[in-house]
Amino acid sequence: MLNGELYNAEDKNLKNERIKCKLLCPKYSNLDYDKFKERNSLIRQILGKAGKKCLIEQPFICDYGYK
């Protein structure tokens, strides 16, 4: 899709990445608010990278975790 190709949601790689993200988002959203280290670690797993003081309010939902 980013290369101008048709989007195929059944693509094996995209499907696996979507499943991974959909499993991590609820874990992030259900962490206690004061678990900053754990939240920061999970958001990096979801997004791939994040700033040192990244704070995303819960609940957090996304499809893939990247653009």
PDB file of N, CA and C in Angstrom:
ATOM      1  N   MET A   1       0.825  -1.180   0.000  1.00  0.00           N
ATOM      2  CA  MET A   1       0.000   0.000   0.000  1.00  0.00           C
ATOM      3  C   MET A   1       0.876   1.253   0.000  1.00  0.00           C
ATOM      4  N   LEU A   2       1.923   1.258   0.859  1.00  0.00           N
ATOM      5  CA  LEU A   2       2.798   2.431   0.900  1.00  0.00           C
ATOM      6  C   LEU A   2       3.585   2.599  -0.387  1.00  0.00           C
ATOM      7  N   ASN A   3       3.739   1.512  -1.128  1.00  0.00           N
ATOM      8  CA  ASN A   3       4.444   1.562  -2.409  1.00  0.00           C
ATOM      9  C   ASN A   3       3.489   1.765  -3.577  1.00  0.00           C
ATOM     10  N   GLY A   4       2.235   2.088  -3.289  1.00  0.00           N
ATOM     11  CA  GLY A   4       1.257   2.302  -4.337  1.00  0.00           C
ATOM     12  C   GLY A   4       0.582   1.028  -4.798  1.00  0.00           C
ATOM     13  N   GLU A   5       0.837  -0.077  -4.092  1.00  0.00           N
ATOM     14  CA  GLU A   5       0.206  -1.348  -4.444  1.00  0.00           C
ATOM     15  C   GLU A   5      -1.125  -1.475  -3.709  1.00  0.00           C
ATOM     16  N   LEU A   6      -1.965  -2.376  -4.180  1.00  0.00           N
ATOM     17  CA  LEU A   6      -3.245  -2.595  -3.521  1.00  0.00           C
ATOM     18  C   LEU A   6      -3.020  -3.142  -2.111  1.00  0.00           C
ATOM     19  N   TYR A   7      -3.867  -2.721  -1.193  1.00  0.00           N
ATOM     20  CA  TYR A   7      -3.799  -3.187   0.188  1.00  0.00           C
ATOM     21  C   TYR A   7      -4.448  -4.555   0.266  1.00  0.00           C
ATOM     22  N   ASN A   8      -3.729  -5.521   0.819  1.00  0.00           N
ATOM     23  CA  ASN A   8      -4.255  -6.872   0.974  1.00  0.00           C
ATOM     24  C   ASN A   8      -4.174  -7.244   2.449  1.00  0.00           C
ATOM     25  N   ALA A   9      -5.286  -7.141   3.148  1.00  0.00           N
ATOM     26  CA  ALA A   9      -5.313  -7.415   4.589  1.00  0.00           C
ATOM     27  C   ALA A   9      -5.035  -8.880   4.903  1.00  0.00           C
ATOM     28  N   GLU A  10      -5.093  -9.735   3.910  1.00  0.00           N
ATOM     29  CA  GLU A  10      -4.828 -11.162   4.118  1.00  0.00           C
ATOM     30  C   GLU A  10      -3.360 -11.521   3.879  1.00  0.00           C
ATOM     31  N   ASP A  11      -2.545 -10.523   3.545  1.00  0.00           N
ATOM     32  CA  ASP A  11      -1.113 -10.757   3.391  1.00  0.00           C
ATOM     33  C   ASP A  11      -0.586 -11.366   4.685  1.00  0.00           C
ATOM     34  N   LYS A  12       0.197 -12.441   4.579  1.00  0.00           N
ATOM     35  CA  LYS A  12       0.658 -13.183   5.755  1.00  0.00           C
ATOM     36  C   LYS A  12       1.420 -12.295   6.737  1.00  0.00           C
ATOM     37  N   ASN A  13       2.336 -11.485   6.244  1.00  0.00           N
ATOM     38  CA  ASN A  13       3.117 -10.605   7.126  1.00  0.00           C
ATOM     39  C   ASN A  13       2.229  -9.578   7.813  1.00  0.00           C
ATOM     40  N   LEU A  14       1.346  -8.946   7.055  1.00  0.00           N
ATOM     41  CA  LEU A  14       0.450  -7.953   7.646  1.00  0.00           C
ATOM     42  C   LEU A  14      -0.468  -8.595   8.679  1.00  0.00           C
ATOM     43  N   LYS A  15      -0.956  -9.781   8.365  1.00  0.00           N
ATOM     44  CA  LYS A  15      -1.845 -10.484   9.286  1.00  0.00           C
ATOM     45  C   LYS A  15      -1.129 -10.786  10.604  1.00  0.00           C
ATOM     46  N   ASN A  16       0.109 -11.270  10.526  1.00  0.00           N
ATOM     47  CA  ASN A  16       0.889 -11.564  11.732  1.00  0.00           C
ATOM     48  C   ASN A  16       1.187 -10.307  12.534  1.00  0.00           C
ATOM     49  N   GLU A  17       1.516  -9.217  11.851  1.00  0.00           N
ATOM     50  CA  GLU A  17       1.802  -7.956  12.532  1.00  0.00           C
ATOM     51  C   GLU A  17       0.546  -7.397  13.199  1.00  0.00           C
ATOM     52  N   ARG A  18      -0.596  -7.553  12.542  1.00  0.00           N
ATOM     53  CA  ARG A  18      -1.862  -7.082  13.104  1.00  0.00           C
ATOM     54  C   ARG A  18      -2.226  -7.899  14.351  1.00  0.00           C
ATOM     55  N   ILE A  19      -2.034  -9.207  14.291  1.00  0.00           N
ATOM     56  CA  ILE A  19      -2.327 -10.067  15.439  1.00  0.00           C
ATOM     57  C   ILE A  19      -1.429  -9.696  16.612  1.00  0.00           C
ATOM     58  N   LYS A  20      -0.142  -9.506  16.349  1.00  0.00           N
ATOM     59  CA  LYS A  20       0.799  -9.126  17.409  1.00  0.00           C
ATOM     60  C   LYS A  20       0.345  -7.830  18.078  1.00  0.00           C
ATOM     61  N   CYS A  21      -0.010  -6.846  17.283  1.00  0.00           N
ATOM     62  CA  CYS A  21      -0.436  -5.554  17.810  1.00  0.00           C
ATOM     63  C   CYS A  21      -1.736  -5.689  18.595  1.00  0.00           C
ATOM     64  N   LYS A  22      -2.667  -6.453  18.084  1.00  0.00           N
ATOM     65  CA  LYS A  22      -3.959  -6.625  18.754  1.00  0.00           C
ATOM     66  C   LYS A  22      -3.822  -7.376  20.075  1.00  0.00           C
ATOM     67  N   LEU A  23      -2.769  -8.165  20.235  1.00  0.00           N
ATOM     68  CA  LEU A  23      -2.515  -8.847  21.506  1.00  0.00           C
ATOM     69  C   LEU A  23      -1.809  -7.941  22.509  1.00  0.00           C
ATOM     70  N   LEU A  24      -0.950  -7.047  22.012  1.00  0.00           N
ATOM     71  CA  LEU A  24      -0.199  -6.155  22.895  1.00  0.00           C
ATOM     72  C   LEU A  24      -1.017  -4.959  23.389  1.00  0.00           C
ATOM     73  N   CYS A  25      -1.910  -4.439  22.560  1.00  0.00           N
ATOM     74  CA  CYS A  25      -2.684  -3.251  22.950  1.00  0.00           C
ATOM     75  C   CYS A  25      -3.503  -3.466  24.223  1.00  0.00           C
ATOM     76  N   PRO A  26      -4.227  -4.579  24.362  1.00  0.00           N
ATOM     77  CA  PRO A  26      -4.970  -4.776  25.613  1.00  0.00           C
ATOM     78  C   PRO A  26      -4.050  -4.924  26.831  1.00  0.00           C
ATOM     79  N   LYS A  27      -2.893  -5.530  26.640  1.00  0.00           N
ATOM     80  CA  LYS A  27      -1.941  -5.641  27.744  1.00  0.00           C
ATOM     81  C   LYS A  27      -1.531  -4.244  28.207  1.00  0.00           C
ATOM     82  N   TYR A  28      -1.245  -3.371  27.236  1.00  0.00           N
ATOM     83  CA  TYR A  28      -0.882  -1.993  27.564  1.00  0.00           C
ATOM     84  C   TYR A  28      -2.043  -1.290  28.263  1.00  0.00           C
ATOM     85  N   SER A  29      -3.206  -1.417  27.697  1.00  0.00           N
ATOM     86  CA  SER A  29      -4.374  -0.703  28.222  1.00  0.00           C
ATOM     87  C   SER A  29      -4.770  -1.170  29.615  1.00  0.00           C
ATOM     88  N   ASN A  30      -4.473  -2.406  29.961  1.00  0.00           N
ATOM     89  CA  ASN A  30      -4.882  -2.954  31.252  1.00  0.00           C
ATOM     90  C   ASN A  30      -3.830  -2.813  32.346  1.00  0.00           C
ATOM     91  N   LEU A  31      -2.652  -2.291  31.994  1.00  0.00           N
ATOM     92  CA  LEU A  31      -1.639  -2.058  33.020  1.00  0.00           C
ATOM     93  C   LEU A  31      -2.080  -0.932  33.944  1.00  0.00           C
ATOM     94  N   ASP A  32      -1.735  -1.040  35.224  1.00  0.00           N
ATOM     95  CA  ASP A  32      -2.012   0.053  36.148  1.00  0.00           C
ATOM     96  C   ASP A  32      -1.323   1.322  35.655  1.00  0.00           C
ATOM     97  N   TYR A  33      -1.977   2.437  35.850  1.00  0.00           N
ATOM     98  CA  TYR A  33      -1.470   3.712  35.346  1.00  0.00           C
ATOM     99  C   TYR A  33      -0.073   4.024  35.852  1.00  0.00           C
ATOM    100  N   ASP A  34       0.247   3.616  37.073  1.00  0.00           N
ATOM    101  CA  ASP A  34       1.546   3.955  37.657  1.00  0.00           C
ATOM    102  C   ASP A  34       2.670   2.985  37.287  1.00  0.00           C
ATOM    103  N   LYS A  35       2.417   2.052  36.410  1.00  0.00           N
ATOM    104  CA  LYS A  35       3.433   1.098  35.945  1.00  0.00           C
ATOM    105  C   LYS A  35       4.142   1.680  34.716  1.00  0.00           C
ATOM    106  N   PHE A  36       4.838   2.801  34.932  1.00  0.00           N
ATOM    107  CA  PHE A  36       5.426   3.543  33.818  1.00  0.00           C
ATOM    108  C   PHE A  36       6.466   2.739  33.038  1.00  0.00           C
ATOM    109  N   LYS A  37       7.332   2.000  33.724  1.00  0.00           N
ATOM    110  CA  LYS A  37       8.354   1.205  33.038  1.00  0.00           C
ATOM    111  C   LYS A  37       7.724   0.155  32.141  1.00  0.00           C
ATOM    112  N   GLU A  38       6.753  -0.560  32.685  1.00  0.00           N
ATOM    113  CA  GLU A  38       6.087  -1.612  31.923  1.00  0.00           C
ATOM    114  C   GLU A  38       5.311  -1.036  30.740  1.00  0.00           C
ATOM    115  N   ARG A  39       4.628   0.096  30.984  1.00  0.00           N
ATOM    116  CA  ARG A  39       3.874   0.737  29.906  1.00  0.00           C
ATOM    117  C   ARG A  39       4.816   1.198  28.793  1.00  0.00           C
ATOM    118  N   ASN A  40       5.946   1.783  29.199  1.00  0.00           N
ATOM    119  CA  ASN A  40       6.907   2.271  28.213  1.00  0.00           C
ATOM    120  C   ASN A  40       7.482   1.117  27.391  1.00  0.00           C
ATOM    121  N   SER A  41       7.773   0.009  28.046  1.00  0.00           N
ATOM    122  CA  SER A  41       8.298  -1.166  27.349  1.00  0.00           C
ATOM    123  C   SER A  41       7.284  -1.707  26.338  1.00  0.00           C
ATOM    124  N   LEU A  42       6.028  -1.810  26.749  1.00  0.00           N
ATOM    125  CA  LEU A  42       4.999  -2.333  25.845  1.00  0.00           C
ATOM    126  C   LEU A  42       4.742  -1.394  24.671  1.00  0.00           C
ATOM    127  N   ILE A  43       4.718  -0.087  24.927  1.00  0.00           N
ATOM    128  CA  ILE A  43       4.435   0.837  23.823  1.00  0.00           C
ATOM    129  C   ILE A  43       5.558   0.793  22.790  1.00  0.00           C
ATOM    130  N   ARG A  44       6.783   0.537  23.237  1.00  0.00           N
ATOM    131  CA  ARG A  44       7.899   0.384  22.300  1.00  0.00           C
ATOM    132  C   ARG A  44       7.749  -0.905  21.480  1.00  0.00           C
ATOM    133  N   GLN A  45       7.231  -1.946  22.100  1.00  0.00           N
ATOM    134  CA  GLN A  45       6.983  -3.184  21.360  1.00  0.00           C
ATOM    135  C   GLN A  45       5.898  -2.966  20.306  1.00  0.00           C
ATOM    136  N   ILE A  46       4.914  -2.164  20.653  1.00  0.00           N
ATOM    137  CA  ILE A  46       3.810  -1.897  19.720  1.00  0.00           C
ATOM    138  C   ILE A  46       4.252  -0.963  18.597  1.00  0.00           C
ATOM    139  N   LEU A  47       4.906   0.141  18.957  1.00  0.00           N
ATOM    140  CA  LEU A  47       5.239   1.176  17.968  1.00  0.00           C
ATOM    141  C   LEU A  47       6.606   0.992  17.315  1.00  0.00           C
ATOM    142  N   GLY A  48       7.446   0.166  17.907  1.00  0.00           N
ATOM    143  CA  GLY A  48       8.786  -0.015  17.366  1.00  0.00           C
ATOM    144  C   GLY A  48       9.789   0.916  18.025  1.00  0.00           C
ATOM    145  N   LYS A  49       9.369   2.140  18.294  1.00  0.00           N
ATOM    146  CA  LYS A  49      10.221   3.093  19.005  1.00  0.00           C
ATOM    147  C   LYS A  49       9.325   4.173  19.589  1.00  0.00           C
ATOM    148  N   ALA A  50       9.850   4.817  20.615  1.00  0.00           N
ATOM    149  CA  ALA A  50       9.111   5.906  21.264  1.00  0.00           C
ATOM    150  C   ALA A  50      10.105   6.733  22.057  1.00  0.00           C
ATOM    151  N   GLY A  51       9.784   7.985  22.263  1.00  0.00           N
ATOM    152  CA  GLY A  51      10.642   8.860  23.042  1.00  0.00           C
ATOM    153  C   GLY A  51      10.744   8.406  24.495  1.00  0.00           C
ATOM    154  N   LYS A  52      11.758   8.901  25.183  1.00  0.00           N
ATOM    155  CA  LYS A  52      11.995   8.498  26.572  1.00  0.00           C
ATOM    156  C   LYS A  52      10.824   8.831  27.490  1.00  0.00           C
ATOM    157  N   LYS A  53      10.154   9.915  27.207  1.00  0.00           N
ATOM    158  CA  LYS A  53       9.047  10.333  28.063  1.00  0.00           C
ATOM    159  C   LYS A  53       7.699  10.176  27.361  1.00  0.00           C
ATOM    160  N   CYS A  54       7.605   9.165  26.536  1.00  0.00           N
ATOM    161  CA  CYS A  54       6.368   8.896  25.805  1.00  0.00           C
ATOM    162  C   CYS A  54       5.276   8.455  26.771  1.00  0.00           C
ATOM    163  N   LEU A  55       4.128   9.066  26.677  1.00  0.00           N
ATOM    164  CA  LEU A  55       2.992   8.674  27.496  1.00  0.00           C
ATOM    165  C   LEU A  55       1.751   8.693  26.623  1.00  0.00           C
ATOM    166  N   ILE A  56       1.188   7.539  26.415  1.00  0.00           N
ATOM    167  CA  ILE A  56      -0.049   7.414  25.645  1.00  0.00           C
ATOM    168  C   ILE A  56      -1.124   6.964  26.621  1.00  0.00           C
ATOM    169  N   GLU A  57      -2.192   7.719  26.675  1.00  0.00           N
ATOM    170  CA  GLU A  57      -3.276   7.403  27.607  1.00  0.00           C
ATOM    171  C   GLU A  57      -3.932   6.081  27.233  1.00  0.00           C
ATOM    172  N   GLN A  58      -4.459   5.451  28.250  1.00  0.00           N
ATOM    173  CA  GLN A  58      -5.165   4.196  28.087  1.00  0.00           C
ATOM    174  C   GLN A  58      -6.664   4.477  28.023  1.00  0.00           C
ATOM    175  N   PRO A  59      -7.439   3.719  27.304  1.00  0.00           N
ATOM    176  CA  PRO A  59      -7.050   2.585  26.483  1.00  0.00           C
ATOM    177  C   PRO A  59      -6.408   3.036  25.175  1.00  0.00           C
ATOM    178  N   PHE A  60      -5.508   2.215  24.690  1.00  0.00           N
ATOM    179  CA  PHE A  60      -4.823   2.483  23.429  1.00  0.00           C
ATOM    180  C   PHE A  60      -5.159   1.357  22.458  1.00  0.00           C
ATOM    181  N   ILE A  61      -5.583   1.740  21.267  1.00  0.00           N
ATOM    182  CA  ILE A  61      -5.968   0.770  20.253  1.00  0.00           C
ATOM    183  C   ILE A  61      -5.337   1.180  18.926  1.00  0.00           C
ATOM    184  N   CYS A  62      -4.739   0.239  18.243  1.00  0.00           N
ATOM    185  CA  CYS A  62      -4.265   0.491  16.885  1.00  0.00           C
ATOM    186  C   CYS A  62      -4.230  -0.834  16.137  1.00  0.00           C
ATOM    187  N   ASP A  63      -4.012  -0.768  14.831  1.00  0.00           N
ATOM    188  CA  ASP A  63      -4.050  -1.978  14.013  1.00  0.00           C
ATOM    189  C   ASP A  63      -2.676  -2.639  13.864  1.00  0.00           C
ATOM    190  N   TYR A  64      -1.657  -1.845  13.558  1.00  0.00           N
ATOM    191  CA  TYR A  64      -0.351  -2.419  13.283  1.00  0.00           C
ATOM    192  C   TYR A  64       0.747  -1.859  14.190  1.00  0.00           C
ATOM    193  N   GLY A  65       0.613  -0.651  14.666  1.00  0.00           N
ATOM    194  CA  GLY A  65       1.614  -0.053  15.525  1.00  0.00           C
ATOM    195  C   GLY A  65       2.608   0.798  14.787  1.00  0.00           C
ATOM    196  N   TYR A  66       2.483   0.906  13.519  1.00  0.00           N
ATOM    197  CA  TYR A  66       3.371   1.727  12.704  1.00  0.00           C
ATOM    198  C   TYR A  66       2.605   2.231  11.512  1.00  0.00           C
ATOM    199  N   LYS A  67       3.201   3.171  10.791  1.00  0.00           N
ATOM    200  CA  LYS A  67       2.464   3.709   9.621  1.00  0.00           C
ATOM    201  C   LYS A  67       2.492   2.774   8.452  1.00  0.00           C
TER     202      LYS A  67
END
